[in-house]
Amino acid sequence: MNFLRSFGLFWYDFIIGDDWTIAAAVVAALAVTGLLAHQHVTAWWLLPLVVAVFLGYSLWRAANARSR
């Protein structure tokens, strides 16, 4: 049972990491991309765009928190 707990904690830390908002944005972007692809809309560009925007937002937030 300890192995399962450690395995789950590893994946939680790996996926969620320091900023849960990026993980949530990626999951939402994957869902929207999947829905658009199901409707035969070319949506390959959506996921990199969301990741870039939220990464920039996360870096901006961290820089502002550090300057306080």
N, C-alpha and C. Protein backbone atom coordinates (compact mmCIF):
# COMPACT_ATOMS: atom_id res chain seq x y z
N MET A 1 0.82 -1.19 0.00
CA MET A 1 0.00 0.00 0.00
C MET A 1 0.87 1.26 0.00
N ASN A 2 2.02 1.19 0.63
CA ASN A 2 2.91 2.34 0.66
C ASN A 2 3.40 2.68 -0.75
N PHE A 3 3.61 1.64 -1.59
CA PHE A 3 4.04 1.87 -2.96
C PHE A 3 2.97 2.64 -3.73
N LEU A 4 1.71 2.27 -3.59
CA LEU A 4 0.63 2.96 -4.29
C LEU A 4 0.51 4.41 -3.85
N ARG A 5 0.66 4.65 -2.56
CA ARG A 5 0.59 6.02 -2.06
C ARG A 5 1.74 6.84 -2.60
N SER A 6 2.94 6.29 -2.58
CA SER A 6 4.11 6.99 -3.10
C SER A 6 3.97 7.25 -4.60
N PHE A 7 3.46 6.27 -5.32
CA PHE A 7 3.25 6.41 -6.76
C PHE A 7 2.25 7.53 -7.05
N GLY A 8 1.15 7.55 -6.31
CA GLY A 8 0.14 8.59 -6.49
C GLY A 8 0.68 9.97 -6.13
N LEU A 9 1.45 10.07 -5.06
CA LEU A 9 2.03 11.35 -4.67
C LEU A 9 3.04 11.86 -5.70
N PHE A 10 3.79 10.92 -6.29
CA PHE A 10 4.73 11.31 -7.34
C PHE A 10 3.99 11.94 -8.51
N TRP A 11 2.94 11.28 -8.98
CA TRP A 11 2.21 11.81 -10.13
C TRP A 11 1.50 13.10 -9.79
N TYR A 12 0.98 13.23 -8.60
CA TYR A 12 0.36 14.48 -8.18
C TYR A 12 1.38 15.61 -8.23
N ASP A 13 2.55 15.39 -7.66
CA ASP A 13 3.59 16.41 -7.64
C ASP A 13 4.11 16.69 -9.04
N PHE A 14 4.20 15.66 -9.89
CA PHE A 14 4.70 15.84 -11.25
C PHE A 14 3.72 16.63 -12.10
N ILE A 15 2.43 16.35 -11.99
CA ILE A 15 1.43 17.00 -12.83
C ILE A 15 1.04 18.36 -12.26
N ILE A 16 0.72 18.40 -11.00
CA ILE A 16 0.27 19.65 -10.38
C ILE A 16 1.46 20.56 -10.10
N GLY A 17 2.51 20.01 -9.53
CA GLY A 17 3.73 20.77 -9.29
C GLY A 17 3.51 21.97 -8.39
N ASP A 18 4.14 23.06 -8.75
CA ASP A 18 4.06 24.27 -7.94
C ASP A 18 2.83 25.12 -8.27
N ASP A 19 2.29 24.97 -9.47
CA ASP A 19 1.21 25.86 -9.91
C ASP A 19 0.07 25.03 -10.51
N TRP A 20 -0.99 24.89 -9.75
CA TRP A 20 -2.12 24.07 -10.20
C TRP A 20 -2.89 24.74 -11.34
N THR A 21 -2.73 26.05 -11.51
CA THR A 21 -3.49 26.73 -12.56
C THR A 21 -3.01 26.31 -13.95
N ILE A 22 -1.71 26.06 -14.11
CA ILE A 22 -1.20 25.59 -15.39
C ILE A 22 -1.74 24.20 -15.70
N ALA A 23 -1.76 23.33 -14.71
CA ALA A 23 -2.30 21.98 -14.92
C ALA A 23 -3.78 22.04 -15.29
N ALA A 24 -4.54 22.88 -14.62
CA ALA A 24 -5.96 23.01 -14.93
C ALA A 24 -6.17 23.59 -16.33
N ALA A 25 -5.36 24.55 -16.71
CA ALA A 25 -5.47 25.14 -18.04
C ALA A 25 -5.14 24.13 -19.13
N VAL A 26 -4.14 23.30 -18.90
CA VAL A 26 -3.78 22.29 -19.88
C VAL A 26 -4.89 21.25 -20.02
N VAL A 27 -5.48 20.84 -18.92
CA VAL A 27 -6.59 19.89 -18.98
C VAL A 27 -7.77 20.50 -19.73
N ALA A 28 -8.09 21.76 -19.44
CA ALA A 28 -9.19 22.42 -20.13
C ALA A 28 -8.87 22.58 -21.62
N ALA A 29 -7.64 22.95 -21.94
CA ALA A 29 -7.26 23.10 -23.35
C ALA A 29 -7.30 21.77 -24.09
N LEU A 30 -6.90 20.69 -23.43
CA LEU A 30 -7.00 19.37 -24.05
C LEU A 30 -8.45 19.01 -24.33
N ALA A 31 -9.33 19.32 -23.38
CA ALA A 31 -10.75 19.02 -23.56
C ALA A 31 -11.34 19.83 -24.72
N VAL A 32 -11.04 21.11 -24.77
CA VAL A 32 -11.57 21.96 -25.85
C VAL A 32 -10.98 21.53 -27.19
N THR A 33 -9.69 21.22 -27.23
CA THR A 33 -9.07 20.76 -28.46
C THR A 33 -9.72 19.46 -28.93
N GLY A 34 -9.99 18.56 -28.00
CA GLY A 34 -10.67 17.32 -28.36
C GLY A 34 -12.07 17.55 -28.90
N LEU A 35 -12.80 18.46 -28.26
CA LEU A 35 -14.15 18.77 -28.74
C LEU A 35 -14.11 19.41 -30.13
N LEU A 36 -13.18 20.32 -30.35
CA LEU A 36 -13.06 20.94 -31.66
C LEU A 36 -12.64 19.94 -32.73
N ALA A 37 -11.71 19.06 -32.39
CA ALA A 37 -11.27 18.04 -33.34
C ALA A 37 -12.41 17.09 -33.67
N HIS A 38 -13.25 16.79 -32.70
CA HIS A 38 -14.42 15.94 -32.95
C HIS A 38 -15.39 16.60 -33.93
N GLN A 39 -15.40 17.92 -33.93
CA GLN A 39 -16.25 18.68 -34.86
C GLN A 39 -15.53 18.96 -36.18
N HIS A 40 -14.38 18.33 -36.39
CA HIS A 40 -13.57 18.47 -37.61
C HIS A 40 -13.04 19.89 -37.80
N VAL A 41 -12.71 20.54 -36.70
CA VAL A 41 -12.09 21.86 -36.73
C VAL A 41 -10.61 21.67 -36.44
N THR A 42 -9.76 22.30 -37.24
CA THR A 42 -8.33 22.22 -37.01
C THR A 42 -7.98 23.05 -35.78
N ALA A 43 -7.58 22.37 -34.70
CA ALA A 43 -7.36 23.06 -33.44
C ALA A 43 -6.02 22.71 -32.81
N TRP A 44 -5.04 22.32 -33.62
CA TRP A 44 -3.74 21.94 -33.09
C TRP A 44 -3.05 23.11 -32.41
N TRP A 45 -3.37 24.32 -32.81
CA TRP A 45 -2.72 25.52 -32.32
C TRP A 45 -3.19 25.93 -30.93
N LEU A 46 -4.33 25.40 -30.48
CA LEU A 46 -4.91 25.85 -29.22
C LEU A 46 -4.06 25.46 -28.00
N LEU A 47 -3.61 24.24 -27.95
CA LEU A 47 -2.85 23.78 -26.78
C LEU A 47 -1.53 24.54 -26.61
N PRO A 48 -0.70 24.70 -27.66
CA PRO A 48 0.52 25.51 -27.45
C PRO A 48 0.22 26.95 -27.05
N LEU A 49 -0.84 27.52 -27.58
CA LEU A 49 -1.21 28.89 -27.22
C LEU A 49 -1.58 28.99 -25.74
N VAL A 50 -2.40 28.07 -25.27
CA VAL A 50 -2.82 28.09 -23.86
C VAL A 50 -1.62 27.88 -22.94
N VAL A 51 -0.75 26.96 -23.29
CA VAL A 51 0.44 26.70 -22.47
C VAL A 51 1.33 27.95 -22.42
N ALA A 52 1.55 28.60 -23.56
CA ALA A 52 2.39 29.79 -23.59
C ALA A 52 1.78 30.93 -22.76
N VAL A 53 0.47 31.13 -22.90
CA VAL A 53 -0.19 32.20 -22.16
C VAL A 53 -0.13 31.95 -20.66
N PHE A 54 -0.46 30.73 -20.23
CA PHE A 54 -0.47 30.45 -18.80
C PHE A 54 0.93 30.36 -18.21
N LEU A 55 1.90 29.96 -19.00
CA LEU A 55 3.28 29.99 -18.52
C LEU A 55 3.73 31.42 -18.30
N GLY A 56 3.42 32.30 -19.24
CA GLY A 56 3.73 33.71 -19.06
C GLY A 56 3.03 34.31 -17.86
N TYR A 57 1.76 33.96 -17.68
CA TYR A 57 1.00 34.44 -16.53
C TYR A 57 1.60 33.94 -15.22
N SER A 58 2.00 32.68 -15.19
CA SER A 58 2.60 32.11 -13.99
C SER A 58 3.94 32.79 -13.67
N LEU A 59 4.74 33.04 -14.69
CA LEU A 59 6.02 33.72 -14.47
C LEU A 59 5.81 35.16 -14.00
N TRP A 60 4.82 35.84 -14.58
CA TRP A 60 4.51 37.21 -14.17
C TRP A 60 4.07 37.23 -12.70
N ARG A 61 3.22 36.28 -12.33
CA ARG A 61 2.74 36.20 -10.95
C ARG A 61 3.88 35.92 -9.98
N ALA A 62 4.78 35.01 -10.36
CA ALA A 62 5.92 34.68 -9.50
C ALA A 62 6.88 35.88 -9.37
N ALA A 63 7.09 36.60 -10.45
CA ALA A 63 7.98 37.76 -10.41
C ALA A 63 7.38 38.86 -9.53
N ASN A 64 6.08 39.05 -9.61
CA ASN A 64 5.43 40.07 -8.77
C ASN A 64 5.41 39.65 -7.30
N ALA A 65 5.28 38.39 -7.03
CA ALA A 65 5.28 37.92 -5.65
C ALA A 65 6.68 38.06 -5.03
N ARG A 66 7.70 37.86 -5.87
CA ARG A 66 9.07 37.95 -5.37
C ARG A 66 9.46 39.39 -5.09
N SER A 67 8.89 40.34 -5.84
CA SER A 67 9.28 41.74 -5.67
C SER A 67 8.66 42.39 -4.45
N ARG A 68 7.71 41.75 -3.84
CA ARG A 68 7.05 42.31 -2.66
C ARG A 68 7.88 42.19 -1.43
